[in-house]
Amino acid sequence: MQSAGFGPRAIATTGGILYGLGVFLAGFVPHDSLYLLYLTYGIIVGIGIGLGYIVPIAMLIKWFPDRRGLITGLAVAGLGFGSLIVAPIVTATMAKDGIGLSSTFMILGIAYLIVVVGAAQFFRKAPDGYAPPGWVPSTQQNAIAARRNFTGGPSHCYGGGQIGSRQCRRSLLPHRSLHHRRGYGG
């Protein structure tokens, strides 16, 4: 998700803006307009939360390569814990006289925008090749990382018109068994 031009801060900020804006705009949707609700709360919020969810996980894995499982679990637990906190607040807000569903969407949209965009400002990309002091990846970890490199194949595939060669097609796929299932041969 993180391309050469966009770091985790920019992507997460964009996700936070879309998330907050989508929830806020859902507050203006008329009660009889299901398609506008799909657009605001479904598509805009969905893209925003997708960016705001995956970027911290990808970033944290680069900062903590020795504790990938732990850091991923903590990040996912944080998202779930946030839902646990927000649910009673939403219930209490909607129960108050004069606030209702539309205003609750607007209040939540503003709150989400502030919290997610604010938190995104602390995101930093780990330096290339970063490893915690004293940690050396095992040969098994190096082999797995090499096999899961989906950013492209060997450089020889992109020069000299060889991109369609059988060897290059194989190098671009993550695992040999996938070749057989897709009909690329053995």
C-alpha atoms as a PDB file:
ATOM      1  CA  MET A   1       0.000   0.000   0.000  1.00  0.00           C
ATOM      2  CA  GLN A   2       2.851   2.363   0.703  1.00  0.00           C
ATOM      3  CA  SER A   3       4.291   3.421  -2.615  1.00  0.00           C
ATOM      4  CA  ALA A   4       7.526   5.327  -3.124  1.00  0.00           C
ATOM      5  CA  GLY A   5       5.686   8.652  -3.209  1.00  0.00           C
ATOM      6  CA  PHE A   6       3.360   8.232  -0.266  1.00  0.00           C
ATOM      7  CA  GLY A   7       4.391   7.378   3.264  1.00  0.00           C
ATOM      8  CA  PRO A   8       2.200   6.020   6.055  1.00  0.00           C
ATOM      9  CA  ARG A   9       1.372   9.504   7.382  1.00  0.00           C
ATOM     10  CA  ALA A  10      -0.079  10.720   4.073  1.00  0.00           C
ATOM     11  CA  ILE A  11      -2.072   7.550   3.444  1.00  0.00           C
ATOM     12  CA  ALA A  12      -3.437   7.360   7.007  1.00  0.00           C
ATOM     13  CA  THR A  13      -4.318  11.074   6.924  1.00  0.00           C
ATOM     14  CA  THR A  14      -6.251  10.520   3.696  1.00  0.00           C
ATOM     15  CA  GLY A  15      -7.972   7.530   5.306  1.00  0.00           C
ATOM     16  CA  GLY A  16      -8.905   9.597   8.367  1.00  0.00           C
ATOM     17  CA  ILE A  17     -10.323  12.403   6.238  1.00  0.00           C
ATOM     18  CA  LEU A  18     -12.418   9.972   4.189  1.00  0.00           C
ATOM     19  CA  TYR A  19     -13.564   8.101   7.299  1.00  0.00           C
ATOM     20  CA  GLY A  20     -14.599  11.221   9.199  1.00  0.00           C
ATOM     21  CA  LEU A  21     -16.103  12.892   6.140  1.00  0.00           C
ATOM     22  CA  GLY A  22     -18.120   9.799   5.205  1.00  0.00           C
ATOM     23  CA  VAL A  23     -19.602   9.445   8.690  1.00  0.00           C
ATOM     24  CA  PHE A  24     -20.290  13.200   8.854  1.00  0.00           C
ATOM     25  CA  LEU A  25     -22.008  13.210   5.443  1.00  0.00           C
ATOM     26  CA  ALA A  26     -24.108  10.200   6.465  1.00  0.00           C
ATOM     27  CA  GLY A  27     -25.773  12.556   8.947  1.00  0.00           C
ATOM     28  CA  PHE A  28     -27.206  14.572   6.037  1.00  0.00           C
ATOM     29  CA  VAL A  29     -28.677  11.593   4.181  1.00  0.00           C
ATOM     30  CA  PRO A  30     -32.485  11.710   4.026  1.00  0.00           C
ATOM     31  CA  HIS A  31     -34.198   8.751   5.691  1.00  0.00           C
ATOM     32  CA  ASP A  32     -35.603   7.525   2.359  1.00  0.00           C
ATOM     33  CA  SER A  33     -32.284   7.581   0.418  1.00  0.00           C
ATOM     34  CA  LEU A  34     -30.612   4.215   0.834  1.00  0.00           C
ATOM     35  CA  TYR A  35     -28.231   4.806  -2.098  1.00  0.00           C
ATOM     36  CA  LEU A  36     -26.794   7.956  -0.514  1.00  0.00           C
ATOM     37  CA  LEU A  37     -26.243   6.006   2.690  1.00  0.00           C
ATOM     38  CA  TYR A  38     -24.413   3.338   0.656  1.00  0.00           C
ATOM     39  CA  LEU A  39     -22.260   6.071  -0.878  1.00  0.00           C
ATOM     40  CA  THR A  40     -21.414   7.926   2.338  1.00  0.00           C
ATOM     41  CA  TYR A  41     -21.319   5.279   5.046  1.00  0.00           C
ATOM     42  CA  GLY A  42     -20.573   2.334   2.779  1.00  0.00           C
ATOM     43  CA  ILE A  43     -18.112   3.464   0.121  1.00  0.00           C
ATOM     44  CA  ILE A  44     -16.481   6.621   1.548  1.00  0.00           C
ATOM     45  CA  VAL A  45     -16.243   5.268   5.099  1.00  0.00           C
ATOM     46  CA  GLY A  46     -15.192   1.842   3.783  1.00  0.00           C
ATOM     47  CA  ILE A  47     -12.266   3.281   1.822  1.00  0.00           C
ATOM     48  CA  GLY A  48     -11.306   5.517   4.735  1.00  0.00           C
ATOM     49  CA  ILE A  49     -11.327   2.767   7.345  1.00  0.00           C
ATOM     50  CA  GLY A  50      -9.519   0.444   4.952  1.00  0.00           C
ATOM     51  CA  LEU A  51      -6.675   2.939   4.597  1.00  0.00           C
ATOM     52  CA  GLY A  52      -6.747   3.773   8.293  1.00  0.00           C
ATOM     53  CA  TYR A  53      -6.668   0.087   9.271  1.00  0.00           C
ATOM     54  CA  ILE A  54      -4.018  -1.465   7.054  1.00  0.00           C
ATOM     55  CA  VAL A  55      -1.447   1.352   7.078  1.00  0.00           C
ATOM     56  CA  PRO A  56      -0.695   1.231  10.823  1.00  0.00           C
ATOM     57  CA  ILE A  57      -0.362  -2.544  10.687  1.00  0.00           C
ATOM     58  CA  ALA A  58       2.027  -2.432   7.714  1.00  0.00           C
ATOM     59  CA  MET A  59       4.015   0.375   9.344  1.00  0.00           C
ATOM     60  CA  LEU A  60       4.254  -1.341  12.731  1.00  0.00           C
ATOM     61  CA  ILE A  61       5.416  -4.615  11.157  1.00  0.00           C
ATOM     62  CA  LYS A  62       8.342  -2.719   9.606  1.00  0.00           C
ATOM     63  CA  TRP A  63       9.224  -1.136  12.974  1.00  0.00           C
ATOM     64  CA  PHE A  64       8.900  -4.446  14.871  1.00  0.00           C
ATOM     65  CA  PRO A  65      10.001  -7.212  12.462  1.00  0.00           C
ATOM     66  CA  ASP A  66      11.008  -9.400  15.403  1.00  0.00           C
ATOM     67  CA  ARG A  67       7.495  -9.236  16.925  1.00  0.00           C
ATOM     68  CA  ARG A  68       5.242  -9.281  13.861  1.00  0.00           C
ATOM     69  CA  GLY A  69       2.476 -11.396  15.397  1.00  0.00           C
ATOM     70  CA  LEU A  70       2.393  -9.471  18.670  1.00  0.00           C
ATOM     71  CA  ILE A  71       2.305  -6.050  17.038  1.00  0.00           C
ATOM     72  CA  THR A  72      -0.379  -7.101  14.554  1.00  0.00           C
ATOM     73  CA  GLY A  73      -2.489  -8.499  17.403  1.00  0.00           C
ATOM     74  CA  LEU A  74      -2.127  -5.301  19.424  1.00  0.00           C
ATOM     75  CA  ALA A  75      -3.093  -3.136  16.441  1.00  0.00           C
ATOM     76  CA  VAL A  76      -6.192  -5.222  15.686  1.00  0.00           C
ATOM     77  CA  ALA A  77      -7.110  -5.311  19.386  1.00  0.00           C
ATOM     78  CA  GLY A  78      -6.819  -1.516  19.461  1.00  0.00           C
ATOM     79  CA  LEU A  79      -9.377  -1.200  16.687  1.00  0.00           C
ATOM     80  CA  GLY A  80     -11.738  -3.564  18.483  1.00  0.00           C
ATOM     81  CA  PHE A  81     -11.222  -1.764  21.790  1.00  0.00           C
ATOM     82  CA  GLY A  82     -12.101   1.528  20.104  1.00  0.00           C
ATOM     83  CA  SER A  83     -15.424   0.049  19.007  1.00  0.00           C
ATOM     84  CA  LEU A  84     -16.037  -1.126  22.554  1.00  0.00           C
ATOM     85  CA  ILE A  85     -15.547   2.424  23.840  1.00  0.00           C
ATOM     86  CA  VAL A  86     -17.566   4.164  21.102  1.00  0.00           C
ATOM     87  CA  ALA A  87     -20.663   1.919  21.272  1.00  0.00           C
ATOM     88  CA  PRO A  88     -21.959   3.138  24.676  1.00  0.00           C
ATOM     89  CA  ILE A  89     -21.164   6.750  23.748  1.00  0.00           C
ATOM     90  CA  VAL A  90     -23.238   6.434  20.559  1.00  0.00           C
ATOM     91  CA  THR A  91     -26.100   4.835  22.473  1.00  0.00           C
ATOM     92  CA  ALA A  92     -26.084   7.598  25.088  1.00  0.00           C
ATOM     93  CA  THR A  93     -25.849  10.340  22.457  1.00  0.00           C
ATOM     94  CA  MET A  94     -28.778   9.003  20.447  1.00  0.00           C
ATOM     95  CA  ALA A  95     -30.888   8.628  23.598  1.00  0.00           C
ATOM     96  CA  LYS A  96     -30.602  12.332  24.479  1.00  0.00           C
ATOM     97  CA  ASP A  97     -33.562  14.486  23.545  1.00  0.00           C
ATOM     98  CA  GLY A  98     -33.116  16.417  20.327  1.00  0.00           C
ATOM     99  CA  ILE A  99     -29.910  14.744  19.131  1.00  0.00           C
ATOM    100  CA  GLY A 100     -31.039  11.657  17.201  1.00  0.00           C
ATOM    101  CA  LEU A 101     -29.321   9.594  14.522  1.00  0.00           C
ATOM    102  CA  SER A 102     -28.367  12.331  12.049  1.00  0.00           C
ATOM    103  CA  SER A 103     -26.686  14.527  14.626  1.00  0.00           C
ATOM    104  CA  THR A 104     -24.926  11.507  16.104  1.00  0.00           C
ATOM    105  CA  PHE A 105     -23.420  10.744  12.690  1.00  0.00           C
ATOM    106  CA  MET A 106     -22.222  14.342  12.415  1.00  0.00           C
ATOM    107  CA  ILE A 107     -20.688  14.358  15.904  1.00  0.00           C
ATOM    108  CA  LEU A 108     -18.965  11.015  15.307  1.00  0.00           C
ATOM    109  CA  GLY A 109     -17.682  12.150  11.907  1.00  0.00           C
ATOM    110  CA  ILE A 110     -16.007  15.188  13.436  1.00  0.00           C
ATOM    111  CA  ALA A 111     -14.583  13.122  16.307  1.00  0.00           C
ATOM    112  CA  TYR A 112     -13.250  10.408  13.974  1.00  0.00           C
ATOM    113  CA  LEU A 113     -11.697  13.011  11.703  1.00  0.00           C
ATOM    114  CA  ILE A 114      -9.883  14.695  14.593  1.00  0.00           C
ATOM    115  CA  VAL A 115      -8.701  11.473  16.247  1.00  0.00           C
ATOM    116  CA  VAL A 116      -7.581   9.559  13.145  1.00  0.00           C
ATOM    117  CA  VAL A 117      -5.952  12.496  11.356  1.00  0.00           C
ATOM    118  CA  GLY A 118      -4.290  13.546  14.625  1.00  0.00           C
ATOM    119  CA  ALA A 119      -2.952  10.055  15.272  1.00  0.00           C
ATOM    120  CA  ALA A 120      -1.725   9.763  11.674  1.00  0.00           C
ATOM    121  CA  GLN A 121       0.627  12.704  12.218  1.00  0.00           C
ATOM    122  CA  PHE A 122       2.757  10.479  14.467  1.00  0.00           C
ATOM    123  CA  PHE A 123       3.269   7.847  11.758  1.00  0.00           C
ATOM    124  CA  ARG A 124       6.783   7.467  10.389  1.00  0.00           C
ATOM    125  CA  LYS A 125       8.163   5.057   7.834  1.00  0.00           C
ATOM    126  CA  ALA A 126      10.827   2.737   9.207  1.00  0.00           C
ATOM    127  CA  PRO A 127      14.230   3.217   7.569  1.00  0.00           C
ATOM    128  CA  ASP A 128      15.013   0.784   4.758  1.00  0.00           C
ATOM    129  CA  GLY A 129      16.536  -2.393   6.164  1.00  0.00           C
ATOM    130  CA  TYR A 130      15.652  -1.440   9.749  1.00  0.00           C
ATOM    131  CA  ALA A 131      16.208  -4.108  12.381  1.00  0.00           C
ATOM    132  CA  PRO A 132      15.982  -3.759  16.164  1.00  0.00           C
ATOM    133  CA  PRO A 133      19.387  -3.731  17.888  1.00  0.00           C
ATOM    134  CA  GLY A 134      20.720  -7.264  18.254  1.00  0.00           C
ATOM    135  CA  TRP A 135      18.041  -8.894  16.072  1.00  0.00           C
ATOM    136  CA  VAL A 136      19.131 -10.889  13.050  1.00  0.00           C
ATOM    137  CA  PRO A 137      16.430 -12.548  10.924  1.00  0.00           C
ATOM    138  CA  SER A 138      16.749 -16.302  10.593  1.00  0.00           C
ATOM    139  CA  THR A 139      17.317 -17.933   7.209  1.00  0.00           C
ATOM    140  CA  GLN A 140      13.707 -19.149   7.321  1.00  0.00           C
ATOM    141  CA  GLN A 141      12.436 -15.578   7.836  1.00  0.00           C
ATOM    142  CA  ASN A 142      14.602 -14.351   4.958  1.00  0.00           C
ATOM    143  CA  ALA A 143      13.269 -17.111   2.692  1.00  0.00           C
ATOM    144  CA  ILE A 144       9.662 -16.284   3.584  1.00  0.00           C
ATOM    145  CA  ALA A 145      10.249 -12.570   3.008  1.00  0.00           C
ATOM    146  CA  ALA A 146      11.822 -13.248  -0.387  1.00  0.00           C
ATOM    147  CA  ARG A 147       8.939 -15.511  -1.415  1.00  0.00           C
ATOM    148  CA  ARG A 148       6.340 -12.928  -0.371  1.00  0.00           C
ATOM    149  CA  ASN A 149       7.862 -10.032  -2.304  1.00  0.00           C
ATOM    150  CA  PHE A 150       4.955  -8.955  -4.511  1.00  0.00           C
ATOM    151  CA  THR A 151       6.563  -5.696  -5.640  1.00  0.00           C
ATOM    152  CA  GLY A 152       7.983  -7.215  -8.790  1.00  0.00           C
ATOM    153  CA  GLY A 153      10.347  -9.827 -10.053  1.00  0.00           C
ATOM    154  CA  PRO A 154      14.020  -9.850 -10.875  1.00  0.00           C
ATOM    155  CA  SER A 155      15.278  -6.773 -12.695  1.00  0.00           C
ATOM    156  CA  HIS A 156      16.231  -8.827 -15.767  1.00  0.00           C
ATOM    157  CA  CYS A 157      12.525  -9.336 -16.485  1.00  0.00           C
ATOM    158  CA  TYR A 158      11.955  -5.656 -17.150  1.00  0.00           C
ATOM    159  CA  GLY A 159      14.811  -5.035 -19.557  1.00  0.00           C
ATOM    160  CA  GLY A 160      15.465  -6.492 -22.972  1.00  0.00           C
ATOM    161  CA  GLY A 161      11.885  -7.473 -23.765  1.00  0.00           C
ATOM    162  CA  GLN A 162      11.895 -10.594 -21.575  1.00  0.00           C
ATOM    163  CA  ILE A 163       8.787  -9.708 -19.554  1.00  0.00           C
ATOM    164  CA  GLY A 164       6.697 -12.427 -21.210  1.00  0.00           C
ATOM    165  CA  SER A 165       9.253 -15.185 -20.777  1.00  0.00           C
ATOM    166  CA  ARG A 166       8.329 -18.268 -18.751  1.00  0.00           C
ATOM    167  CA  GLN A 167      11.112 -17.626 -16.223  1.00  0.00           C
ATOM    168  CA  CYS A 168       9.895 -14.065 -15.580  1.00  0.00           C
ATOM    169  CA  ARG A 169       6.266 -15.129 -15.218  1.00  0.00           C
ATOM    170  CA  ARG A 170       7.355 -17.660 -12.612  1.00  0.00           C
ATOM    171  CA  SER A 171       9.445 -15.160 -10.691  1.00  0.00           C
ATOM    172  CA  LEU A 172       6.501 -12.790 -10.412  1.00  0.00           C
ATOM    173  CA  LEU A 173       4.280 -15.395  -8.756  1.00  0.00           C
ATOM    174  CA  PRO A 174       4.575 -15.937  -4.990  1.00  0.00           C
ATOM    175  CA  HIS A 175       4.705 -19.736  -4.840  1.00  0.00           C
ATOM    176  CA  ARG A 176       5.262 -22.623  -7.258  1.00  0.00           C
ATOM    177  CA  SER A 177       2.000 -24.434  -6.448  1.00  0.00           C
ATOM    178  CA  LEU A 178       0.167 -21.338  -7.659  1.00  0.00           C
ATOM    179  CA  HIS A 179       1.670 -21.887 -11.139  1.00  0.00           C
ATOM    180  CA  HIS A 180      -0.058 -25.242 -11.459  1.00  0.00           C
ATOM    181  CA  ARG A 181      -3.441 -23.987 -10.280  1.00  0.00           C
ATOM    182  CA  ARG A 182      -3.376 -21.125 -12.776  1.00  0.00           C
ATOM    183  CA  GLY A 183      -2.107 -23.253 -15.646  1.00  0.00           C
ATOM    184  CA  TYR A 184       1.395 -21.816 -15.982  1.00  0.00           C
ATOM    185  CA  GLY A 185       2.957 -25.268 -16.096  1.00  0.00           C
ATOM    186  CA  GLY A 186       5.781 -26.809 -14.223  1.00  0.00           C
END
